[in-house]
Structure formats: structure tokens, C-alpha cells
Amino acid sequence: MITARRVARELALLSAAQLLRQPKQLSDTDCRSLILMAVRTLASDVRDTLEQAGSELSDSQRLLHHSELQLPHLEKAQSLLQEALQQAERCINCVGAALDLPEILYFAHQEEVQAYAIGILQHLHRHQAEIEQHLGAAMVDWQVDRLTQLDRYIIEIAMTEMAYLGVAKQVAINEAVELAKRYSDEGSHRFINGVLHRISELSARGVAQSPQS
């Protein structure tokens, strides 16, 4: 079931890349602009991901048909094929999300949806340094810059909701996982779930100061 806040999160996620690069627009963006950015981002992501998946499938096919196929070629082909399948999964998820666009557009015109989406982005921009610090502390052996942009925004939106918008931790984590299921792949939603639970645990143990302090 699509709810007002779920639509707001999706609008924030899909317009984050554009609005956070131009923060002055955050106070001037209206509902129509948010929807346009979201639709353009969704369409662009599907196109780019399909192109990448097609390229990786072609490369894996070329390696599999290599006249002097050796183990290194086979391993590389398997790796490329796996990456292509992951990209295809992302495309399928995005196309599935696009089927909900009529309902999303209906909710998006509600004032509370626009206000909540902009609120997420404003807090995310205002507290970016603190959020990145806490995210980095929770990544353990992973570096933050290894995250895809999409997965990073999903995590940061959940962190913003928990720290600045009064959303219960488990609710924010569950919503982030649902966003990842809709727009990323299975590996990503499991990874995002783990990272957010670690952030929650570190906060509860007082390992790091709360971003609100």
C-alpha cells in the first residue's frame, strides 16, 4: 500500500541527486518540479542500467565463445554475467516501481507529501557532514565512497528521518529496505538493512554522539 510518507521518501530519493547539487532550489521547488525530477531520474536510471547490462552481457558472451577459452576467461565471463543479472534485476525493479506512478502522482500533489520530501532533503543537506561521519563509522571494512549513489541516498534518508524527523528507528530501517527492494537489487537491500541496524546499535551504545547533539 502506498502512503503519503512513502511517496515523499520516493520523491526525495529520486530528486536528491539534482536538488542536493543545487541546494538553493530546495526552498523554491514545487510539487510539479519534484515530480518531473523524479520521473526523469527514474527513466534515466533505467536507460543507463539497461545499457550497462547489455554491455556486460555482450562481453561475457564474447569471453564464453573465445576460441582458446581458459579458466581466467571463464571466471571473468561468470563475473560479468553476474553483474549483468544484477543490473537487469535493478531495471525490473524500476519498471515495477514505474507501474505505481499514477498512484504516486495522485499522492504527490498533497501538500504534506511535498513538505515532507523537501524536509528530508533540507535536513540531509544541512547535516550532511554529521550524517557522513556516522555513516563512515558504521561501514566497518567498507568505504562510504564504494556505495552506489542510490544506496547511499537510501541510507542517508533513513538516517535523516531517525535523527531529525522523529521517525522510529525500526520504521525508518524498514522503509529504507522497501526503497532498496523497489529501486536496487537484493544484495543492496540486505546490505542497507545491515548498515542501518549497525548505525542504530552504535547510537544506542553511545559509541558515537547523536547527530542531534
C-alpha atoms as a PDB file:
ATOM      1  CA  MET A   1       0.000   0.000   0.000  1.00  0.00           C
ATOM      2  CA  ILE A   2       1.347   3.416  -0.965  1.00  0.00           C
ATOM      3  CA  THR A   3       1.170   6.007   1.804  1.00  0.00           C
ATOM      4  CA  ALA A   4       1.818   9.742   1.785  1.00  0.00           C
ATOM      5  CA  ARG A   5       5.151   9.444   3.567  1.00  0.00           C
ATOM      6  CA  ARG A   6       6.277   6.577   1.353  1.00  0.00           C
ATOM      7  CA  VAL A   7       5.617   8.732  -1.702  1.00  0.00           C
ATOM      8  CA  ALA A   8       7.523  11.599  -0.058  1.00  0.00           C
ATOM      9  CA  ARG A   9      10.524   9.324   0.530  1.00  0.00           C
ATOM     10  CA  GLU A  10      10.487   8.196  -3.080  1.00  0.00           C
ATOM     11  CA  LEU A  11      10.284  11.773  -4.342  1.00  0.00           C
ATOM     12  CA  ALA A  12      13.165  12.732  -2.049  1.00  0.00           C
ATOM     13  CA  LEU A  13      15.238   9.750  -3.217  1.00  0.00           C
ATOM     14  CA  LEU A  14      14.642  10.311  -6.922  1.00  0.00           C
ATOM     15  CA  SER A  15      15.225  14.079  -6.814  1.00  0.00           C
ATOM     16  CA  ALA A  16      18.117  14.064  -4.314  1.00  0.00           C
ATOM     17  CA  ALA A  17      20.909  13.950  -6.881  1.00  0.00           C
ATOM     18  CA  GLN A  18      19.646  17.080  -8.625  1.00  0.00           C
ATOM     19  CA  LEU A  19      18.473  19.124  -5.648  1.00  0.00           C
ATOM     20  CA  LEU A  20      21.428  18.439  -3.353  1.00  0.00           C
ATOM     21  CA  ARG A  21      23.782  19.676  -6.073  1.00  0.00           C
ATOM     22  CA  GLN A  22      21.768  22.900  -6.212  1.00  0.00           C
ATOM     23  CA  PRO A  23      20.656  23.443  -2.584  1.00  0.00           C
ATOM     24  CA  LYS A  24      19.317  26.945  -3.289  1.00  0.00           C
ATOM     25  CA  GLN A  25      16.467  25.266  -5.165  1.00  0.00           C
ATOM     26  CA  LEU A  26      15.332  23.406  -2.050  1.00  0.00           C
ATOM     27  CA  SER A  27      13.299  26.364  -0.827  1.00  0.00           C
ATOM     28  CA  ASP A  28      11.824  27.120  -4.259  1.00  0.00           C
ATOM     29  CA  THR A  29      10.965  23.626  -5.532  1.00  0.00           C
ATOM     30  CA  ASP A  30       7.261  22.971  -6.023  1.00  0.00           C
ATOM     31  CA  CYS A  31       5.333  19.754  -6.435  1.00  0.00           C
ATOM     32  CA  ARG A  32       5.490  19.794 -10.223  1.00  0.00           C
ATOM     33  CA  SER A  33       9.289  20.174 -10.188  1.00  0.00           C
ATOM     34  CA  LEU A  34       9.699  17.329  -7.712  1.00  0.00           C
ATOM     35  CA  ILE A  35       7.600  15.000  -9.851  1.00  0.00           C
ATOM     36  CA  LEU A  36       9.426  15.988 -13.030  1.00  0.00           C
ATOM     37  CA  MET A  37      12.829  15.353 -11.421  1.00  0.00           C
ATOM     38  CA  ALA A  38      11.656  12.009 -10.075  1.00  0.00           C
ATOM     39  CA  VAL A  39      10.290  10.795 -13.414  1.00  0.00           C
ATOM     40  CA  ARG A  40      13.403  11.942 -15.296  1.00  0.00           C
ATOM     41  CA  THR A  41      15.682  10.247 -12.772  1.00  0.00           C
ATOM     42  CA  LEU A  42      13.723   7.003 -12.958  1.00  0.00           C
ATOM     43  CA  ALA A  43      13.768   6.967 -16.767  1.00  0.00           C
ATOM     44  CA  SER A  44      17.457   7.860 -16.942  1.00  0.00           C
ATOM     45  CA  ASP A  45      18.376   5.188 -14.404  1.00  0.00           C
ATOM     46  CA  VAL A  46      16.518   2.504 -16.351  1.00  0.00           C
ATOM     47  CA  ARG A  47      18.196   3.511 -19.629  1.00  0.00           C
ATOM     48  CA  ASP A  48      21.688   3.639 -18.112  1.00  0.00           C
ATOM     49  CA  THR A  49      21.266   0.351 -16.287  1.00  0.00           C
ATOM     50  CA  LEU A  50      19.947  -1.422 -19.398  1.00  0.00           C
ATOM     51  CA  GLU A  51      22.896  -0.147 -21.442  1.00  0.00           C
ATOM     52  CA  GLN A  52      25.355  -1.338 -18.808  1.00  0.00           C
ATOM     53  CA  ALA A  53      23.669  -4.728 -18.527  1.00  0.00           C
ATOM     54  CA  GLY A  54      23.687  -5.124 -22.321  1.00  0.00           C
ATOM     55  CA  SER A  55      27.377  -4.271 -22.495  1.00  0.00           C
ATOM     56  CA  GLU A  56      28.258  -6.768 -19.753  1.00  0.00           C
ATOM     57  CA  LEU A  57      26.180  -9.496 -21.417  1.00  0.00           C
ATOM     58  CA  SER A  58      27.978  -8.901 -24.721  1.00  0.00           C
ATOM     59  CA  ASP A  59      31.387  -9.047 -23.025  1.00  0.00           C
ATOM     60  CA  SER A  60      30.527 -12.242 -21.161  1.00  0.00           C
ATOM     61  CA  GLN A  61      29.220 -13.848 -24.364  1.00  0.00           C
ATOM     62  CA  ARG A  62      32.415 -12.899 -26.196  1.00  0.00           C
ATOM     63  CA  LEU A  63      34.564 -14.459 -23.475  1.00  0.00           C
ATOM     64  CA  LEU A  64      32.452 -17.624 -23.320  1.00  0.00           C
ATOM     65  CA  HIS A  65      32.888 -18.126 -27.075  1.00  0.00           C
ATOM     66  CA  HIS A  66      36.596 -17.394 -27.025  1.00  0.00           C
ATOM     67  CA  SER A  67      38.406 -19.875 -29.237  1.00  0.00           C
ATOM     68  CA  GLU A  68      41.066 -20.503 -26.596  1.00  0.00           C
ATOM     69  CA  LEU A  69      38.845 -20.458 -23.522  1.00  0.00           C
ATOM     70  CA  GLN A  70      40.852 -20.763 -20.342  1.00  0.00           C
ATOM     71  CA  LEU A  71      39.895 -20.628 -16.679  1.00  0.00           C
ATOM     72  CA  PRO A  72      40.650 -16.882 -16.259  1.00  0.00           C
ATOM     73  CA  HIS A  73      38.382 -16.128 -19.243  1.00  0.00           C
ATOM     74  CA  LEU A  74      35.623 -18.315 -17.805  1.00  0.00           C
ATOM     75  CA  GLU A  75      35.854 -16.685 -14.377  1.00  0.00           C
ATOM     76  CA  LYS A  76      35.740 -13.224 -15.926  1.00  0.00           C
ATOM     77  CA  ALA A  77      32.745 -14.199 -18.052  1.00  0.00           C
ATOM     78  CA  GLN A  78      30.928 -15.525 -14.991  1.00  0.00           C
ATOM     79  CA  SER A  79      31.648 -12.296 -13.113  1.00  0.00           C
ATOM     80  CA  LEU A  80      30.352 -10.140 -15.976  1.00  0.00           C
ATOM     81  CA  LEU A  81      27.259 -12.301 -16.319  1.00  0.00           C
ATOM     82  CA  GLN A  82      26.525 -11.964 -12.607  1.00  0.00           C
ATOM     83  CA  GLU A  83      26.890  -8.188 -12.804  1.00  0.00           C
ATOM     84  CA  ALA A  84      24.600  -8.077 -15.841  1.00  0.00           C
ATOM     85  CA  LEU A  85      21.958 -10.086 -13.991  1.00  0.00           C
ATOM     86  CA  GLN A  86      22.155  -7.680 -11.058  1.00  0.00           C
ATOM     87  CA  GLN A  87      21.727  -4.724 -13.398  1.00  0.00           C
ATOM     88  CA  ALA A  88      18.768  -6.441 -15.056  1.00  0.00           C
ATOM     89  CA  GLU A  89      17.214  -7.005 -11.627  1.00  0.00           C
ATOM     90  CA  ARG A  90      17.532  -3.296 -10.899  1.00  0.00           C
ATOM     91  CA  CYS A  91      15.814  -2.487 -14.199  1.00  0.00           C
ATOM     92  CA  ILE A  92      12.963  -4.868 -13.439  1.00  0.00           C
ATOM     93  CA  ASN A  93      12.533  -3.247 -10.029  1.00  0.00           C
ATOM     94  CA  CYS A  94      12.495   0.242 -11.547  1.00  0.00           C
ATOM     95  CA  VAL A  95       9.958  -0.773 -14.169  1.00  0.00           C
ATOM     96  CA  GLY A  96       7.822  -2.276 -11.424  1.00  0.00           C
ATOM     97  CA  ALA A  97       8.064   0.981  -9.467  1.00  0.00           C
ATOM     98  CA  ALA A  98       7.052   2.903 -12.585  1.00  0.00           C
ATOM     99  CA  LEU A  99       3.765   0.970 -12.660  1.00  0.00           C
ATOM    100  CA  ASP A 100       2.866   2.763  -9.441  1.00  0.00           C
ATOM    101  CA  LEU A 101       3.414   6.202 -10.982  1.00  0.00           C
ATOM    102  CA  PRO A 102      -0.311   7.053 -11.361  1.00  0.00           C
ATOM    103  CA  GLU A 103      -0.885   6.458  -7.648  1.00  0.00           C
ATOM    104  CA  ILE A 104       2.359   8.249  -6.762  1.00  0.00           C
ATOM    105  CA  LEU A 105       1.317  11.255  -8.847  1.00  0.00           C
ATOM    106  CA  TYR A 106      -2.024  11.337  -7.052  1.00  0.00           C
ATOM    107  CA  PHE A 107      -0.371  11.467  -3.622  1.00  0.00           C
ATOM    108  CA  ALA A 108       2.458  13.761  -4.736  1.00  0.00           C
ATOM    109  CA  HIS A 109       0.097  16.702  -5.152  1.00  0.00           C
ATOM    110  CA  GLN A 110      -0.780  16.615  -1.473  1.00  0.00           C
ATOM    111  CA  GLU A 111       0.838  19.452   0.465  1.00  0.00           C
ATOM    112  CA  GLU A 112       2.058  17.165   3.258  1.00  0.00           C
ATOM    113  CA  VAL A 113       3.885  14.949   0.753  1.00  0.00           C
ATOM    114  CA  GLN A 114       5.749  17.852  -0.796  1.00  0.00           C
ATOM    115  CA  ALA A 115       6.573  19.317   2.625  1.00  0.00           C
ATOM    116  CA  TYR A 116       7.923  16.014   3.953  1.00  0.00           C
ATOM    117  CA  ALA A 117      10.025  15.320   0.845  1.00  0.00           C
ATOM    118  CA  ILE A 118      11.567  18.801   0.943  1.00  0.00           C
ATOM    119  CA  GLY A 119      12.055  18.475   4.712  1.00  0.00           C
ATOM    120  CA  ILE A 120      14.072  15.290   4.225  1.00  0.00           C
ATOM    121  CA  LEU A 121      16.301  16.941   1.631  1.00  0.00           C
ATOM    122  CA  GLN A 122      16.768  20.141   3.627  1.00  0.00           C
ATOM    123  CA  HIS A 123      17.870  18.240   6.742  1.00  0.00           C
ATOM    124  CA  LEU A 124      20.049  15.948   4.645  1.00  0.00           C
ATOM    125  CA  HIS A 125      21.795  18.967   3.120  1.00  0.00           C
ATOM    126  CA  ARG A 126      22.066  20.896   6.387  1.00  0.00           C
ATOM    127  CA  HIS A 127      23.515  17.980   8.367  1.00  0.00           C
ATOM    128  CA  GLN A 128      25.466  16.284   5.587  1.00  0.00           C
ATOM    129  CA  ALA A 129      28.800  16.359   7.444  1.00  0.00           C
ATOM    130  CA  GLU A 130      27.388  14.724  10.597  1.00  0.00           C
ATOM    131  CA  ILE A 131      25.479  12.120   8.615  1.00  0.00           C
ATOM    132  CA  GLU A 132      28.561  11.183   6.596  1.00  0.00           C
ATOM    133  CA  GLN A 133      30.612  10.916   9.786  1.00  0.00           C
ATOM    134  CA  HIS A 134      28.193   8.459  11.390  1.00  0.00           C
ATOM    135  CA  LEU A 135      27.772   6.516   8.154  1.00  0.00           C
ATOM    136  CA  GLY A 136      31.534   6.166   7.823  1.00  0.00           C
ATOM    137  CA  ALA A 137      31.803   4.888  11.396  1.00  0.00           C
ATOM    138  CA  ALA A 138      29.214   2.198  10.690  1.00  0.00           C
ATOM    139  CA  MET A 139      30.676   0.928   7.422  1.00  0.00           C
ATOM    140  CA  VAL A 140      33.424  -1.115   9.139  1.00  0.00           C
ATOM    141  CA  ASP A 141      35.569  -2.522   6.314  1.00  0.00           C
ATOM    142  CA  TRP A 142      33.665  -0.706   3.590  1.00  0.00           C
ATOM    143  CA  GLN A 143      34.425   2.812   2.456  1.00  0.00           C
ATOM    144  CA  VAL A 144      31.491   5.156   2.019  1.00  0.00           C
ATOM    145  CA  ASP A 145      32.618   6.103  -1.485  1.00  0.00           C
ATOM    146  CA  ARG A 146      32.178   2.464  -2.579  1.00  0.00           C
ATOM    147  CA  LEU A 147      28.416   2.772  -2.139  1.00  0.00           C
ATOM    148  CA  THR A 148      26.360   3.403  -5.229  1.00  0.00           C
ATOM    149  CA  GLN A 149      24.761   6.838  -5.202  1.00  0.00           C
ATOM    150  CA  LEU A 150      21.296   5.307  -4.985  1.00  0.00           C
ATOM    151  CA  ASP A 151      22.111   3.077  -1.997  1.00  0.00           C
ATOM    152  CA  ARG A 152      23.863   5.926  -0.230  1.00  0.00           C
ATOM    153  CA  TYR A 153      20.848   8.202  -0.559  1.00  0.00           C
ATOM    154  CA  ILE A 154      18.540   5.446   0.721  1.00  0.00           C
ATOM    155  CA  ILE A 155      20.714   5.039   3.821  1.00  0.00           C
ATOM    156  CA  GLU A 156      21.078   8.779   4.379  1.00  0.00           C
ATOM    157  CA  ILE A 157      17.333   9.393   4.049  1.00  0.00           C
ATOM    158  CA  ALA A 158      16.710   6.782   6.756  1.00  0.00           C
ATOM    159  CA  MET A 159      19.395   8.347   8.966  1.00  0.00           C
ATOM    160  CA  THR A 160      17.825  11.774   8.428  1.00  0.00           C
ATOM    161  CA  GLU A 161      14.386  10.504   9.391  1.00  0.00           C
ATOM    162  CA  MET A 162      15.698   8.845  12.541  1.00  0.00           C
ATOM    163  CA  ALA A 163      17.844  11.767  13.694  1.00  0.00           C
ATOM    164  CA  TYR A 164      15.848  14.831  12.678  1.00  0.00           C
ATOM    165  CA  LEU A 165      12.265  13.902  11.808  1.00  0.00           C
ATOM    166  CA  GLY A 166      11.297  11.775  14.789  1.00  0.00           C
ATOM    167  CA  VAL A 167      10.748   8.536  12.869  1.00  0.00           C
ATOM    168  CA  ALA A 168      11.166   5.366  14.933  1.00  0.00           C
ATOM    169  CA  LYS A 169      14.373   3.533  14.093  1.00  0.00           C
ATOM    170  CA  GLN A 170      12.732   0.281  13.004  1.00  0.00           C
ATOM    171  CA  VAL A 171      10.205   2.139  10.861  1.00  0.00           C
ATOM    172  CA  ALA A 172      12.965   4.117   9.111  1.00  0.00           C
ATOM    173  CA  ILE A 173      15.011   0.955   8.548  1.00  0.00           C
ATOM    174  CA  ASN A 174      12.023  -0.978   7.187  1.00  0.00           C
ATOM    175  CA  GLU A 175      11.145   1.866   4.816  1.00  0.00           C
ATOM    176  CA  ALA A 176      14.756   2.060   3.592  1.00  0.00           C
ATOM    177  CA  VAL A 177      14.726  -1.683   2.890  1.00  0.00           C
ATOM    178  CA  GLU A 178      11.483  -1.287   0.930  1.00  0.00           C
ATOM    179  CA  LEU A 179      13.027   1.541  -1.127  1.00  0.00           C
ATOM    180  CA  ALA A 180      16.043  -0.658  -1.882  1.00  0.00           C
ATOM    181  CA  LYS A 181      13.768  -3.533  -2.942  1.00  0.00           C
ATOM    182  CA  ARG A 182      11.961  -1.186  -5.329  1.00  0.00           C
ATOM    183  CA  TYR A 183      14.957   0.570  -6.836  1.00  0.00           C
ATOM    184  CA  SER A 184      18.066  -1.531  -6.195  1.00  0.00           C
ATOM    185  CA  ASP A 185      18.860  -5.259  -6.016  1.00  0.00           C
ATOM    186  CA  GLU A 186      18.556  -7.992  -3.400  1.00  0.00           C
ATOM    187  CA  GLY A 187      22.157  -7.670  -2.275  1.00  0.00           C
ATOM    188  CA  SER A 188      21.708  -3.945  -1.739  1.00  0.00           C
ATOM    189  CA  HIS A 189      18.604  -4.184   0.415  1.00  0.00           C
ATOM    190  CA  ARG A 190      20.279  -6.740   2.671  1.00  0.00           C
ATOM    191  CA  PHE A 191      23.406  -4.602   2.914  1.00  0.00           C
ATOM    192  CA  ILE A 192      21.400  -1.438   3.648  1.00  0.00           C
ATOM    193  CA  ASN A 193      19.472  -3.276   6.361  1.00  0.00           C
ATOM    194  CA  GLY A 194      22.750  -4.317   7.992  1.00  0.00           C
ATOM    195  CA  VAL A 195      24.329  -0.870   7.838  1.00  0.00           C
ATOM    196  CA  LEU A 196      21.279   0.858   9.329  1.00  0.00           C
ATOM    197  CA  HIS A 197      20.992  -1.690  12.135  1.00  0.00           C
ATOM    198  CA  ARG A 198      24.668  -1.115  12.942  1.00  0.00           C
ATOM    199  CA  ILE A 199      24.137   2.656  12.992  1.00  0.00           C
ATOM    200  CA  SER A 200      21.186   2.129  15.349  1.00  0.00           C
ATOM    201  CA  GLU A 201      23.243  -0.139  17.606  1.00  0.00           C
ATOM    202  CA  LEU A 202      26.189   2.262  17.751  1.00  0.00           C
ATOM    203  CA  SER A 203      23.832   5.081  18.643  1.00  0.00           C
ATOM    204  CA  ALA A 204      22.162   3.032  21.383  1.00  0.00           C
ATOM    205  CA  ARG A 205      25.541   2.068  22.857  1.00  0.00           C
ATOM    206  CA  GLY A 206      26.722   5.666  22.765  1.00  0.00           C
ATOM    207  CA  VAL A 207      29.700   4.769  20.579  1.00  0.00           C
ATOM    208  CA  ALA A 208      29.161   7.973  18.642  1.00  0.00           C
ATOM    209  CA  GLN A 209      27.372  11.128  19.627  1.00  0.00           C
ATOM    210  CA  SER A 210      23.906  11.595  18.261  1.00  0.00           C
ATOM    211  CA  PRO A 211      23.831  13.903  15.211  1.00  0.00           C
ATOM    212  CA  GLN A 212      21.303  15.998  17.127  1.00  0.00           C
ATOM    213  CA  SER A 213      23.766  16.784  19.916  1.00  0.00           C
END
